[in-house]
PDB file of all heavy atoms in Angstrom:
ATOM      1  N   GLN A   1      25.213 -12.514   9.348  1.00  0.00           N
ATOM      2  CA  GLN A   1      25.047 -11.086   9.403  1.00  0.00           C
ATOM      3  C   GLN A   1      25.116 -10.553   7.953  1.00  0.00           C
ATOM      4  O   GLN A   1      24.357  -9.697   7.632  1.00  0.00           O
ATOM      5  CB  GLN A   1      26.187 -10.505  10.307  1.00  0.00           C
ATOM      6  CG  GLN A   1      26.038 -10.727  11.750  1.00  0.00           C
ATOM      7  CD  GLN A   1      27.213 -10.421  12.498  1.00  0.00           C
ATOM      8  OE1 GLN A   1      28.374 -10.244  12.011  1.00  0.00           O
ATOM      9  NE2 GLN A   1      27.158 -10.430  13.818  1.00  0.00           N
ATOM     10  N   GLN A   2      25.961 -11.207   7.134  1.00  0.00           N
ATOM     11  CA  GLN A   2      26.156 -10.779   5.805  1.00  0.00           C
ATOM     12  C   GLN A   2      24.883 -11.004   4.922  1.00  0.00           C
ATOM     13  O   GLN A   2      24.357 -10.205   4.174  1.00  0.00           O
ATOM     14  CB  GLN A   2      27.420 -11.338   5.132  1.00  0.00           C
ATOM     15  CG  GLN A   2      27.581 -10.812   3.661  1.00  0.00           C
ATOM     16  CD  GLN A   2      27.879  -9.333   3.630  1.00  0.00           C
ATOM     17  OE1 GLN A   2      28.448  -8.730   4.491  1.00  0.00           O
ATOM     18  NE2 GLN A   2      27.649  -8.695   2.466  1.00  0.00           N
ATOM     19  N   LEU A   3      24.297 -12.221   5.264  1.00  0.00           N
ATOM     20  CA  LEU A   3      23.117 -12.627   4.462  1.00  0.00           C
ATOM     21  C   LEU A   3      21.974 -11.756   4.902  1.00  0.00           C
ATOM     22  O   LEU A   3      21.203 -11.258   4.039  1.00  0.00           O
ATOM     23  CB  LEU A   3      22.779 -14.027   4.860  1.00  0.00           C
ATOM     24  CG  LEU A   3      23.577 -15.131   4.214  1.00  0.00           C
ATOM     25  CD1 LEU A   3      23.349 -16.479   4.919  1.00  0.00           C
ATOM     26  CD2 LEU A   3      23.262 -15.285   2.707  1.00  0.00           C
ATOM     27  N   LEU A   4      21.857 -11.298   6.190  1.00  0.00           N
ATOM     28  CA  LEU A   4      20.842 -10.316   6.469  1.00  0.00           C
ATOM     29  C   LEU A   4      20.947  -8.982   5.926  1.00  0.00           C
ATOM     30  O   LEU A   4      19.965  -8.398   5.441  1.00  0.00           O
ATOM     31  CB  LEU A   4      20.838 -10.228   8.153  1.00  0.00           C
ATOM     32  CG  LEU A   4      19.820  -9.238   8.689  1.00  0.00           C
ATOM     33  CD1 LEU A   4      18.389  -9.814   8.448  1.00  0.00           C
ATOM     34  CD2 LEU A   4      20.026  -9.003  10.142  1.00  0.00           C
ATOM     35  N   HIS A   5      22.307  -8.550   5.835  1.00  0.00           N
ATOM     36  CA  HIS A   5      22.465  -7.287   5.158  1.00  0.00           C
ATOM     37  C   HIS A   5      21.993  -7.256   3.750  1.00  0.00           C
ATOM     38  O   HIS A   5      21.366  -6.241   3.330  1.00  0.00           O
ATOM     39  CB  HIS A   5      23.827  -6.981   5.294  1.00  0.00           C
ATOM     40  CG  HIS A   5      24.343  -5.633   4.599  1.00  0.00           C
ATOM     41  ND1 HIS A   5      24.151  -4.488   5.112  1.00  0.00           N
ATOM     42  CD2 HIS A   5      24.995  -5.497   3.293  1.00  0.00           C
ATOM     43  CE1 HIS A   5      24.496  -3.445   4.253  1.00  0.00           C
ATOM     44  NE2 HIS A   5      25.043  -4.155   3.158  1.00  0.00           N
ATOM     45  N   ARG A   6      22.344  -8.241   3.057  1.00  0.00           N
ATOM     46  CA  ARG A   6      21.890  -8.377   1.586  1.00  0.00           C
ATOM     47  C   ARG A   6      20.328  -8.583   1.487  1.00  0.00           C
ATOM     48  O   ARG A   6      19.726  -7.951   0.645  1.00  0.00           O
ATOM     49  CB  ARG A   6      22.596  -9.502   0.921  1.00  0.00           C
ATOM     50  CG  ARG A   6      24.016  -9.359   0.752  1.00  0.00           C
ATOM     51  CD  ARG A   6      24.625 -10.259  -0.446  1.00  0.00           C
ATOM     52  NE  ARG A   6      24.298 -11.616  -0.313  1.00  0.00           N
ATOM     53  CZ  ARG A   6      25.112 -12.516   0.153  1.00  0.00           C
ATOM     54  NH1 ARG A   6      26.252 -12.149   0.644  1.00  0.00           N
ATOM     55  NH2 ARG A   6      24.811 -13.823   0.261  1.00  0.00           N
ATOM     56  N   ALA A   7      19.797  -9.328   2.340  1.00  0.00           N
ATOM     57  CA  ALA A   7      18.295  -9.597   2.308  1.00  0.00           C
ATOM     58  C   ALA A   7      17.570  -8.130   2.559  1.00  0.00           C
ATOM     59  O   ALA A   7      16.660  -7.862   1.842  1.00  0.00           O
ATOM     60  CB  ALA A   7      17.880 -10.638   3.344  1.00  0.00           C
ATOM     61  N   LYS A   8      17.994  -7.586   3.674  1.00  0.00           N
ATOM     62  CA  LYS A   8      17.375  -6.249   3.952  1.00  0.00           C
ATOM     63  C   LYS A   8      17.487  -5.162   2.755  1.00  0.00           C
ATOM     64  O   LYS A   8      16.619  -4.471   2.601  1.00  0.00           O
ATOM     65  CB  LYS A   8      17.900  -5.704   5.329  1.00  0.00           C
ATOM     66  CG  LYS A   8      17.618  -6.527   6.488  1.00  0.00           C
ATOM     67  CD  LYS A   8      18.203  -5.949   7.764  1.00  0.00           C
ATOM     68  CE  LYS A   8      17.505  -4.795   8.272  1.00  0.00           C
ATOM     69  NZ  LYS A   8      17.940  -4.301   9.577  1.00  0.00           N
ATOM     70  N   LYS A   9      18.657  -5.194   2.218  1.00  0.00           N
ATOM     71  CA  LYS A   9      18.821  -4.344   1.058  1.00  0.00           C
ATOM     72  C   LYS A   9      17.823  -4.650  -0.100  1.00  0.00           C
ATOM     73  O   LYS A   9      17.201  -3.695  -0.665  1.00  0.00           O
ATOM     74  CB  LYS A   9      20.245  -4.472   0.461  1.00  0.00           C
ATOM     75  CG  LYS A   9      20.517  -3.341  -0.622  1.00  0.00           C
ATOM     76  CD  LYS A   9      22.009  -3.527  -0.998  1.00  0.00           C
ATOM     77  CE  LYS A   9      22.425  -2.519  -2.069  1.00  0.00           C
ATOM     78  NZ  LYS A   9      21.511  -2.563  -3.236  1.00  0.00           N
ATOM     79  N   HIS A  10      17.628  -5.997  -0.412  1.00  0.00           N
ATOM     80  CA  HIS A  10      16.640  -6.280  -1.490  1.00  0.00           C
ATOM     81  C   HIS A  10      15.250  -5.907  -1.084  1.00  0.00           C
ATOM     82  O   HIS A  10      14.467  -5.355  -1.901  1.00  0.00           O
ATOM     83  CB  HIS A  10      16.775  -7.763  -1.709  1.00  0.00           C
ATOM     84  CG  HIS A  10      17.973  -8.216  -2.576  1.00  0.00           C
ATOM     85  ND1 HIS A  10      18.278  -7.675  -3.723  1.00  0.00           N
ATOM     86  CD2 HIS A  10      19.019  -9.113  -2.271  1.00  0.00           C
ATOM     87  CE1 HIS A  10      19.391  -8.219  -4.235  1.00  0.00           C
ATOM     88  NE2 HIS A  10      19.926  -9.123  -3.306  1.00  0.00           N
ATOM     89  N   VAL A  11      14.954  -6.226   0.120  1.00  0.00           N
ATOM     90  CA  VAL A  11      13.552  -5.988   0.601  1.00  0.00           C
ATOM     91  C   VAL A  11      13.304  -4.417   0.658  1.00  0.00           C
ATOM     92  O   VAL A  11      12.213  -3.930   0.337  1.00  0.00           O
ATOM     93  CB  VAL A  11      13.264  -6.658   2.007  1.00  0.00           C
ATOM     94  CG1 VAL A  11      11.904  -6.247   2.586  1.00  0.00           C
ATOM     95  CG2 VAL A  11      13.300  -8.118   1.771  1.00  0.00           C
ATOM     96  N   ALA A  12      14.268  -3.715   0.995  1.00  0.00           N
ATOM     97  CA  ALA A  12      14.169  -2.292   1.155  1.00  0.00           C
ATOM     98  C   ALA A  12      13.990  -1.565  -0.209  1.00  0.00           C
ATOM     99  O   ALA A  12      13.635  -0.362  -0.296  1.00  0.00           O
ATOM    100  CB  ALA A  12      15.368  -1.648   1.914  1.00  0.00           C
ATOM    101  N   ASP A  13      14.420  -2.243  -1.286  1.00  0.00           N
ATOM    102  CA  ASP A  13      14.113  -1.680  -2.630  1.00  0.00           C
ATOM    103  C   ASP A  13      12.733  -1.403  -2.923  1.00  0.00           C
ATOM    104  O   ASP A  13      12.366  -0.668  -3.868  1.00  0.00           O
ATOM    105  CB  ASP A  13      14.742  -2.662  -3.695  1.00  0.00           C
ATOM    106  CG  ASP A  13      16.228  -2.668  -3.723  1.00  0.00           C
ATOM    107  OD1 ASP A  13      16.858  -1.695  -3.077  1.00  0.00           O
ATOM    108  OD2 ASP A  13      16.890  -3.569  -4.156  1.00  0.00           O
ATOM    109  N   GLY A  14      11.765  -2.087  -2.280  1.00  0.00           N
ATOM    110  CA  GLY A  14      10.439  -1.806  -2.447  1.00  0.00           C
ATOM    111  C   GLY A  14      10.007  -0.536  -1.677  1.00  0.00           C
ATOM    112  O   GLY A  14      10.633  -0.146  -0.772  1.00  0.00           O
ATOM    113  N   LYS A  15       8.757  -0.064  -2.079  1.00  0.00           N
ATOM    114  CA  LYS A  15       8.297   1.118  -1.287  1.00  0.00           C
ATOM    115  C   LYS A  15       7.999   0.930   0.153  1.00  0.00           C
ATOM    116  O   LYS A  15       7.589  -0.131   0.513  1.00  0.00           O
ATOM    117  CB  LYS A  15       7.064   1.719  -1.996  1.00  0.00           C
ATOM    118  CG  LYS A  15       7.301   2.342  -3.274  1.00  0.00           C
ATOM    119  CD  LYS A  15       6.036   2.945  -3.850  1.00  0.00           C
ATOM    120  CE  LYS A  15       6.188   3.789  -5.004  1.00  0.00           C
ATOM    121  NZ  LYS A  15       6.944   5.050  -4.801  1.00  0.00           N
ATOM    122  N   ALA A  16       8.333   1.906   0.959  1.00  0.00           N
ATOM    123  CA  ALA A  16       8.152   1.662   2.465  1.00  0.00           C
ATOM    124  C   ALA A  16       6.631   1.644   2.695  1.00  0.00           C
ATOM    125  O   ALA A  16       5.948   2.420   2.224  1.00  0.00           O
ATOM    126  CB  ALA A  16       8.752   2.890   3.223  1.00  0.00           C
ATOM    127  N   ARG A  17       6.285   0.700   3.575  1.00  0.00           N
ATOM    128  CA  ARG A  17       4.808   0.496   3.828  1.00  0.00           C
ATOM    129  C   ARG A  17       4.476   1.339   4.878  1.00  0.00           C
ATOM    130  O   ARG A  17       5.172   1.653   5.917  1.00  0.00           O
ATOM    131  CB  ARG A  17       4.686  -1.040   4.180  1.00  0.00           C
ATOM    132  CG  ARG A  17       3.381  -1.461   4.753  1.00  0.00           C
ATOM    133  CD  ARG A  17       3.426  -2.884   4.840  1.00  0.00           C
ATOM    134  NE  ARG A  17       2.232  -3.572   5.594  1.00  0.00           N
ATOM    135  CZ  ARG A  17       2.171  -3.890   6.842  1.00  0.00           C
ATOM    136  NH1 ARG A  17       3.350  -3.701   7.599  1.00  0.00           N
ATOM    137  NH2 ARG A  17       1.122  -4.393   7.314  1.00  0.00           N
ATOM    138  N   THR A  18       3.178   1.868   4.853  1.00  0.00           N
ATOM    139  CA  THR A  18       2.626   2.702   5.886  1.00  0.00           C
ATOM    140  C   THR A  18       1.729   1.837   6.853  1.00  0.00           C
ATOM    141  O   THR A  18       0.771   1.148   6.328  1.00  0.00           O
ATOM    142  CB  THR A  18       1.781   3.812   5.398  1.00  0.00           C
ATOM    143  OG1 THR A  18       2.588   4.600   4.511  1.00  0.00           O
ATOM    144  CG2 THR A  18       1.108   4.583   6.500  1.00  0.00           C
ATOM    145  N   GLU A  19       2.024   1.749   8.055  1.00  0.00           N
ATOM    146  CA  GLU A  19       1.189   0.982   8.984  1.00  0.00           C
ATOM    147  C   GLU A  19      -0.101   1.612   9.409  1.00  0.00           C
ATOM    148  O   GLU A  19      -0.111   2.837   9.585  1.00  0.00           O
ATOM    149  CB  GLU A  19       2.007   0.744  10.286  1.00  0.00           C
ATOM    150  CG  GLU A  19       3.230  -0.212  10.130  1.00  0.00           C
ATOM    151  CD  GLU A  19       3.619  -0.807  11.516  1.00  0.00           C
ATOM    152  OE1 GLU A  19       2.759  -1.365  12.088  1.00  0.00           O
ATOM    153  OE2 GLU A  19       4.721  -0.854  11.753  1.00  0.00           O
ATOM    154  N   ILE A  20      -1.172   0.821   9.276  1.00  0.00           N
ATOM    155  CA  ILE A  20      -2.413   1.379   9.470  1.00  0.00           C
ATOM    156  C   ILE A  20      -3.233   0.339  10.382  1.00  0.00           C
ATOM    157  O   ILE A  20      -2.973  -0.837  10.382  1.00  0.00           O
ATOM    158  CB  ILE A  20      -3.233   1.697   8.168  1.00  0.00           C
ATOM    159  CG1 ILE A  20      -3.188   0.412   7.382  1.00  0.00           C
ATOM    160  CG2 ILE A  20      -2.678   2.899   7.452  1.00  0.00           C
ATOM    161  CD1 ILE A  20      -3.947   0.623   6.132  1.00  0.00           C
ATOM    162  N   ASP A  21      -4.188   0.876  11.075  1.00  0.00           N
ATOM    163  CA  ASP A  21      -4.961  -0.004  11.932  1.00  0.00           C
ATOM    164  C   ASP A  21      -6.330  -0.468  11.137  1.00  0.00           C
ATOM    165  O   ASP A  21      -6.480  -0.056   9.997  1.00  0.00           O
ATOM    166  CB  ASP A  21      -5.523   0.733  13.278  1.00  0.00           C
ATOM    167  CG  ASP A  21      -6.284   2.036  12.981  1.00  0.00           C
ATOM    168  OD1 ASP A  21      -6.832   2.187  11.940  1.00  0.00           O
ATOM    169  OD2 ASP A  21      -6.275   2.789  13.843  1.00  0.00           O
ATOM    170  N   GLN A  22      -7.090  -1.350  11.783  1.00  0.00           N
ATOM    171  CA  GLN A  22      -8.318  -1.862  11.103  1.00  0.00           C
ATOM    172  C   GLN A  22      -9.272  -0.782  10.647  1.00  0.00           C
ATOM    173  O   GLN A  22      -9.840  -0.928   9.437  1.00  0.00           O
ATOM    174  CB  GLN A  22      -9.001  -2.817  12.027  1.00  0.00           C
ATOM    175  CG  GLN A  22     -10.129  -3.642  11.490  1.00  0.00           C
ATOM    176  CD  GLN A  22      -9.631  -4.796  10.661  1.00  0.00           C
ATOM    177  OE1 GLN A  22      -8.616  -5.385  10.968  1.00  0.00           O
ATOM    178  NE2 GLN A  22     -10.507  -5.273   9.711  1.00  0.00           N
ATOM    179  N   ALA A  23      -9.488   0.164  11.374  1.00  0.00           N
ATOM    180  CA  ALA A  23     -10.410   1.227  10.951  1.00  0.00           C
ATOM    181  C   ALA A  23      -9.960   2.089   9.739  1.00  0.00           C
ATOM    182  O   ALA A  23     -10.649   2.364   8.834  1.00  0.00           O
ATOM    183  CB  ALA A  23     -10.719   2.265  12.222  1.00  0.00           C
ATOM    184  N   ALA A  24      -8.633   2.345   9.878  1.00  0.00           N
ATOM    185  CA  ALA A  24      -8.010   3.094   8.660  1.00  0.00           C
ATOM    186  C   ALA A  24      -8.095   2.299   7.459  1.00  0.00           C
ATOM    187  O   ALA A  24      -8.349   2.732   6.391  1.00  0.00           O
ATOM    188  CB  ALA A  24      -6.579   3.504   9.086  1.00  0.00           C
ATOM    189  N   ALA A  25      -7.808   0.968   7.570  1.00  0.00           N
ATOM    190  CA  ALA A  25      -7.808   0.035   6.517  1.00  0.00           C
ATOM    191  C   ALA A  25      -9.286  -0.010   5.806  1.00  0.00           C
ATOM    192  O   ALA A  25      -9.288   0.049   4.685  1.00  0.00           O
ATOM    193  CB  ALA A  25      -7.439  -1.417   6.847  1.00  0.00           C
ATOM    194  N   ARG A  26     -10.287   0.048   6.638  1.00  0.00           N
ATOM    195  CA  ARG A  26     -11.496  -0.005   6.099  1.00  0.00           C
ATOM    196  C   ARG A  26     -11.870   1.304   5.254  1.00  0.00           C
ATOM    197  O   ARG A  26     -12.437   1.323   4.188  1.00  0.00           O
ATOM    198  CB  ARG A  26     -12.611  -0.070   7.266  1.00  0.00           C
ATOM    199  CG  ARG A  26     -14.047  -0.196   6.720  1.00  0.00           C
ATOM    200  CD  ARG A  26     -15.073  -0.333   7.862  1.00  0.00           C
ATOM    201  NE  ARG A  26     -16.437  -0.344   7.363  1.00  0.00           N
ATOM    202  CZ  ARG A  26     -17.117  -1.405   6.844  1.00  0.00           C
ATOM    203  NH1 ARG A  26     -16.539  -2.485   6.908  1.00  0.00           N
ATOM    204  NH2 ARG A  26     -18.269  -1.349   6.432  1.00  0.00           N
ATOM    205  N   ARG A  27     -11.336   2.404   5.922  1.00  0.00           N
ATOM    206  CA  ARG A  27     -11.657   3.696   5.211  1.00  0.00           C
ATOM    207  C   ARG A  27     -10.991   3.827   3.852  1.00  0.00           C
ATOM    208  O   ARG A  27     -11.467   4.177   2.857  1.00  0.00           O
ATOM    209  CB  ARG A  27     -11.235   4.857   6.055  1.00  0.00           C
ATOM    210  CG  ARG A  27     -12.030   5.112   7.247  1.00  0.00           C
ATOM    211  CD  ARG A  27     -11.724   6.528   7.844  1.00  0.00           C
ATOM    212  NE  ARG A  27     -10.325   6.607   8.277  1.00  0.00           N
ATOM    213  CZ  ARG A  27      -9.893   6.235   9.501  1.00  0.00           C
ATOM    214  NH1 ARG A  27     -10.786   5.713  10.458  1.00  0.00           N
ATOM    215  NH2 ARG A  27      -8.643   6.401   9.921  1.00  0.00           N
ATOM    216  N   ILE A  28      -9.816   3.284   3.874  1.00  0.00           N
ATOM    217  CA  ILE A  28      -8.980   3.165   2.585  1.00  0.00           C
ATOM    218  C   ILE A  28      -9.812   2.297   1.522  1.00  0.00           C
ATOM    219  O   ILE A  28      -9.758   2.546   0.394  1.00  0.00           O
ATOM    220  CB  ILE A  28      -7.536   2.673   2.753  1.00  0.00           C
ATOM    221  CG1 ILE A  28      -6.799   3.699   3.635  1.00  0.00           C
ATOM    222  CG2 ILE A  28      -6.856   2.233   1.624  1.00  0.00           C
ATOM    223  CD1 ILE A  28      -5.442   3.156   4.196  1.00  0.00           C
ATOM    224  N   VAL A  29     -10.120   1.109   1.997  1.00  0.00           N
ATOM    225  CA  VAL A  29     -10.744   0.217   1.095  1.00  0.00           C
ATOM    226  C   VAL A  29     -12.132   0.772   0.541  1.00  0.00           C
ATOM    227  O   VAL A  29     -12.474   0.643  -0.688  1.00  0.00           O
ATOM    228  CB  VAL A  29     -11.097  -1.135   1.760  1.00  0.00           C
ATOM    229  CG1 VAL A  29     -12.041  -2.046   0.842  1.00  0.00           C
ATOM    230  CG2 VAL A  29      -9.746  -1.972   1.959  1.00  0.00           C
ATOM    231  N   GLU A  30     -12.948   1.478   1.461  1.00  0.00           N
ATOM    232  CA  GLU A  30     -14.084   2.100   1.056  1.00  0.00           C
ATOM    233  C   GLU A  30     -13.830   3.100  -0.027  1.00  0.00           C
ATOM    234  O   GLU A  30     -14.583   3.310  -1.061  1.00  0.00           O
ATOM    235  CB  GLU A  30     -14.866   2.622   2.194  1.00  0.00           C
ATOM    236  CG  GLU A  30     -15.453   1.566   3.188  1.00  0.00           C
ATOM    237  CD  GLU A  30     -16.010   2.222   4.388  1.00  0.00           C
ATOM    238  OE1 GLU A  30     -15.764   3.365   4.682  1.00  0.00           O
ATOM    239  OE2 GLU A  30     -16.782   1.500   5.084  1.00  0.00           O
ATOM    240  N   GLU A  31     -12.855   3.963   0.178  1.00  0.00           N
ATOM    241  CA  GLU A  31     -12.512   5.121  -0.731  1.00  0.00           C
ATOM    242  C   GLU A  31     -12.101   4.471  -2.072  1.00  0.00           C
ATOM    243  O   GLU A  31     -12.444   4.870  -3.239  1.00  0.00           O
ATOM    244  CB  GLU A  31     -11.449   5.828  -0.134  1.00  0.00           C
ATOM    245  CG  GLU A  31     -11.164   7.101  -1.046  1.00  0.00           C
ATOM    246  CD  GLU A  31     -10.091   8.144  -0.334  1.00  0.00           C
ATOM    247  OE1 GLU A  31      -9.612   7.775   0.680  1.00  0.00           O
ATOM    248  OE2 GLU A  31      -9.915   9.108  -0.939  1.00  0.00           O
ATOM    249  N   PHE A  32     -11.318   3.358  -1.924  1.00  0.00           N
ATOM    250  CA  PHE A  32     -10.811   2.648  -3.154  1.00  0.00           C
ATOM    251  C   PHE A  32     -12.006   2.110  -3.922  1.00  0.00           C
ATOM    252  O   PHE A  32     -11.992   2.225  -5.227  1.00  0.00           O
ATOM    253  CB  PHE A  32      -9.735   1.526  -2.720  1.00  0.00           C
ATOM    254  CG  PHE A  32      -9.337   0.730  -3.787  1.00  0.00           C
ATOM    255  CD1 PHE A  32      -8.321   1.204  -4.642  1.00  0.00           C
ATOM    256  CD2 PHE A  32      -9.971  -0.518  -4.078  1.00  0.00           C
ATOM    257  CE1 PHE A  32      -7.835   0.239  -5.769  1.00  0.00           C
ATOM    258  CE2 PHE A  32      -9.430  -1.360  -5.076  1.00  0.00           C
ATOM    259  CZ  PHE A  32      -8.449  -0.904  -5.946  1.00  0.00           C
ATOM    260  N   LEU A  33     -12.889   1.508  -3.343  1.00  0.00           N
ATOM    261  CA  LEU A  33     -14.012   0.882  -4.004  1.00  0.00           C
ATOM    262  C   LEU A  33     -14.873   1.902  -4.630  1.00  0.00           C
ATOM    263  O   LEU A  33     -15.341   1.718  -5.813  1.00  0.00           O
ATOM    264  CB  LEU A  33     -14.822  -0.027  -3.129  1.00  0.00           C
ATOM    265  CG  LEU A  33     -14.109  -1.301  -2.672  1.00  0.00           C
ATOM    266  CD1 LEU A  33     -14.848  -2.027  -1.590  1.00  0.00           C
ATOM    267  CD2 LEU A  33     -14.042  -2.341  -3.959  1.00  0.00           C
ATOM    268  N   ALA A  34     -15.108   2.993  -3.880  1.00  0.00           N
ATOM    269  CA  ALA A  34     -15.904   4.010  -4.444  1.00  0.00           C
ATOM    270  C   ALA A  34     -15.356   4.669  -5.763  1.00  0.00           C
ATOM    271  O   ALA A  34     -16.004   4.923  -6.800  1.00  0.00           O
ATOM    272  CB  ALA A  34     -16.173   5.086  -3.492  1.00  0.00           C
ATOM    273  N   ALA A  35     -13.974   4.757  -5.711  1.00  0.00           N
ATOM    274  CA  ALA A  35     -13.341   5.296  -6.946  1.00  0.00           C
ATOM    275  C   ALA A  35     -13.333   4.270  -8.187  1.00  0.00           C
ATOM    276  O   ALA A  35     -13.605   4.630  -9.219  1.00  0.00           O
ATOM    277  CB  ALA A  35     -11.848   5.564  -6.663  1.00  0.00           C
ATOM    278  N   ALA A  36     -13.179   2.915  -7.695  1.00  0.00           N
ATOM    279  CA  ALA A  36     -13.233   1.955  -8.739  1.00  0.00           C
ATOM    280  C   ALA A  36     -14.475   1.702  -9.382  1.00  0.00           C
ATOM    281  O   ALA A  36     -14.672   1.415 -10.559  1.00  0.00           O
ATOM    282  CB  ALA A  36     -12.668   0.573  -8.207  1.00  0.00           C
ATOM    283  N   ALA A  37     -15.691   2.008  -8.536  1.00  0.00           N
ATOM    284  CA  ALA A  37     -17.045   1.772  -9.054  1.00  0.00           C
ATOM    285  C   ALA A  37     -17.680   2.995  -9.768  1.00  0.00           C
ATOM    286  O   ALA A  37     -18.680   3.057 -10.342  1.00  0.00           O
ATOM    287  CB  ALA A  37     -17.912   1.414  -7.915  1.00  0.00           C
ATOM    288  N   SER A  38     -16.829   4.105  -9.715  1.00  0.00           N
ATOM    289  CA  SER A  38     -17.309   5.337 -10.246  1.00  0.00           C
ATOM    290  C   SER A  38     -17.415   5.427 -11.787  1.00  0.00           C
ATOM    291  O   SER A  38     -18.086   6.264 -12.371  1.00  0.00           O
ATOM    292  CB  SER A  38     -16.364   6.585  -9.918  1.00  0.00           C
ATOM    293  OG  SER A  38     -15.191   6.458 -10.540  1.00  0.00           O
ATOM    294  N   GLY A  39     -16.731   4.429 -12.499  1.00  0.00           N
ATOM    295  CA  GLY A  39     -16.779   4.417 -13.987  1.00  0.00           C
ATOM    296  C   GLY A  39     -15.734   5.369 -14.506  1.00  0.00           C
ATOM    297  O   GLY A  39     -15.630   5.441 -15.694  1.00  0.00           O
ATOM    298  N   ARG A  40     -14.959   6.097 -13.729  1.00  0.00           N
ATOM    299  CA  ARG A  40     -13.932   7.114 -14.210  1.00  0.00           C
ATOM    300  C   ARG A  40     -12.629   6.758 -13.669  1.00  0.00           C
ATOM    301  O   ARG A  40     -12.555   6.183 -12.536  1.00  0.00           O
ATOM    302  CB  ARG A  40     -14.353   8.571 -13.787  1.00  0.00           C
ATOM    303  CG  ARG A  40     -15.802   8.898 -14.424  1.00  0.00           C
ATOM    304  CD  ARG A  40     -16.144  10.412 -13.941  1.00  0.00           C
ATOM    305  NE  ARG A  40     -16.378  10.485 -12.531  1.00  0.00           N
ATOM    306  CZ  ARG A  40     -15.603  11.179 -11.700  1.00  0.00           C
ATOM    307  NH1 ARG A  40     -14.549  11.996 -12.248  1.00  0.00           N
ATOM    308  NH2 ARG A  40     -15.926  11.286 -10.425  1.00  0.00           N
ATOM    309  N   ILE A  41     -11.591   7.073 -14.412  1.00  0.00           N
ATOM    310  CA  ILE A  41     -10.199   6.720 -13.957  1.00  0.00           C
ATOM    311  C   ILE A  41      -9.587   7.646 -13.003  1.00  0.00           C
ATOM    312  O   ILE A  41      -8.790   7.499 -12.153  1.00  0.00           O
ATOM    313  CB  ILE A  41      -9.254   6.473 -15.069  1.00  0.00           C
ATOM    314  CG1 ILE A  41      -9.072   7.718 -15.942  1.00  0.00           C
ATOM    315  CG2 ILE A  41      -9.906   5.329 -16.000  1.00  0.00           C
ATOM    316  CD1 ILE A  41      -7.826   7.567 -16.855  1.00  0.00           C
ATOM    317  N   GLU A  42     -10.123   9.031 -13.137  1.00  0.00           N
ATOM    318  CA  GLU A  42      -9.515  10.081 -12.389  1.00  0.00           C
ATOM    319  C   GLU A  42      -9.595   9.907 -10.880  1.00  0.00           C
ATOM    320  O   GLU A  42      -8.442  10.099 -10.177  1.00  0.00           O
ATOM    321  CB  GLU A  42     -10.245  11.411 -12.713  1.00  0.00           C
ATOM    322  CG  GLU A  42     -10.011  11.954 -14.095  1.00  0.00           C
ATOM    323  CD  GLU A  42     -10.919  11.228 -15.146  1.00  0.00           C
ATOM    324  OE1 GLU A  42     -11.795  10.542 -14.666  1.00  0.00           O
ATOM    325  OE2 GLU A  42     -10.757  11.518 -16.359  1.00  0.00           O
ATOM    326  N   PRO A  43     -10.624   9.456 -10.339  1.00  0.00           N
ATOM    327  CA  PRO A  43     -10.645   9.237  -8.752  1.00  0.00           C
ATOM    328  C   PRO A  43      -9.648   8.117  -8.373  1.00  0.00           C
ATOM    329  O   PRO A  43      -8.997   8.264  -7.348  1.00  0.00           O
ATOM    330  CB  PRO A  43     -12.028   8.653  -8.555  1.00  0.00           C
ATOM    331  CG  PRO A  43     -12.915   9.250  -9.618  1.00  0.00           C
ATOM    332  CD  PRO A  43     -11.991   9.267 -10.869  1.00  0.00           C
ATOM    333  N   LEU A  44      -9.397   7.132  -9.307  1.00  0.00           N
ATOM    334  CA  LEU A  44      -8.411   6.189  -8.962  1.00  0.00           C
ATOM    335  C   LEU A  44      -7.013   6.613  -9.172  1.00  0.00           C
ATOM    336  O   LEU A  44      -6.160   6.370  -8.195  1.00  0.00           O
ATOM    337  CB  LEU A  44      -8.581   4.873  -9.830  1.00  0.00           C
ATOM    338  CG  LEU A  44      -9.758   3.865  -9.457  1.00  0.00           C
ATOM    339  CD1 LEU A  44     -10.088   3.029 -10.681  1.00  0.00           C
ATOM    340  CD2 LEU A  44      -9.362   3.152  -8.342  1.00  0.00           C
ATOM    341  N   VAL A  45      -6.804   7.355 -10.137  1.00  0.00           N
ATOM    342  CA  VAL A  45      -5.464   7.923 -10.369  1.00  0.00           C
ATOM    343  C   VAL A  45      -5.071   8.736  -9.190  1.00  0.00           C
ATOM    344  O   VAL A  45      -3.895   8.772  -8.676  1.00  0.00           O
ATOM    345  CB  VAL A  45      -5.455   8.794 -11.687  1.00  0.00           C
ATOM    346  CG1 VAL A  45      -4.116   9.618 -11.731  1.00  0.00           C
ATOM    347  CG2 VAL A  45      -5.597   7.833 -12.875  1.00  0.00           C
TER     348      VAL A  45
END
């Protein structure tokens, strides 16, 4: 129990993840790629 408590504390130090489905994942990737390919940093920021 103590090992689990310590482990969860360390893992929780990272940002909370947002759960998304396959369709949402595709939209995020498409938007990300469009921003990365734009040649400008503002869309990515």
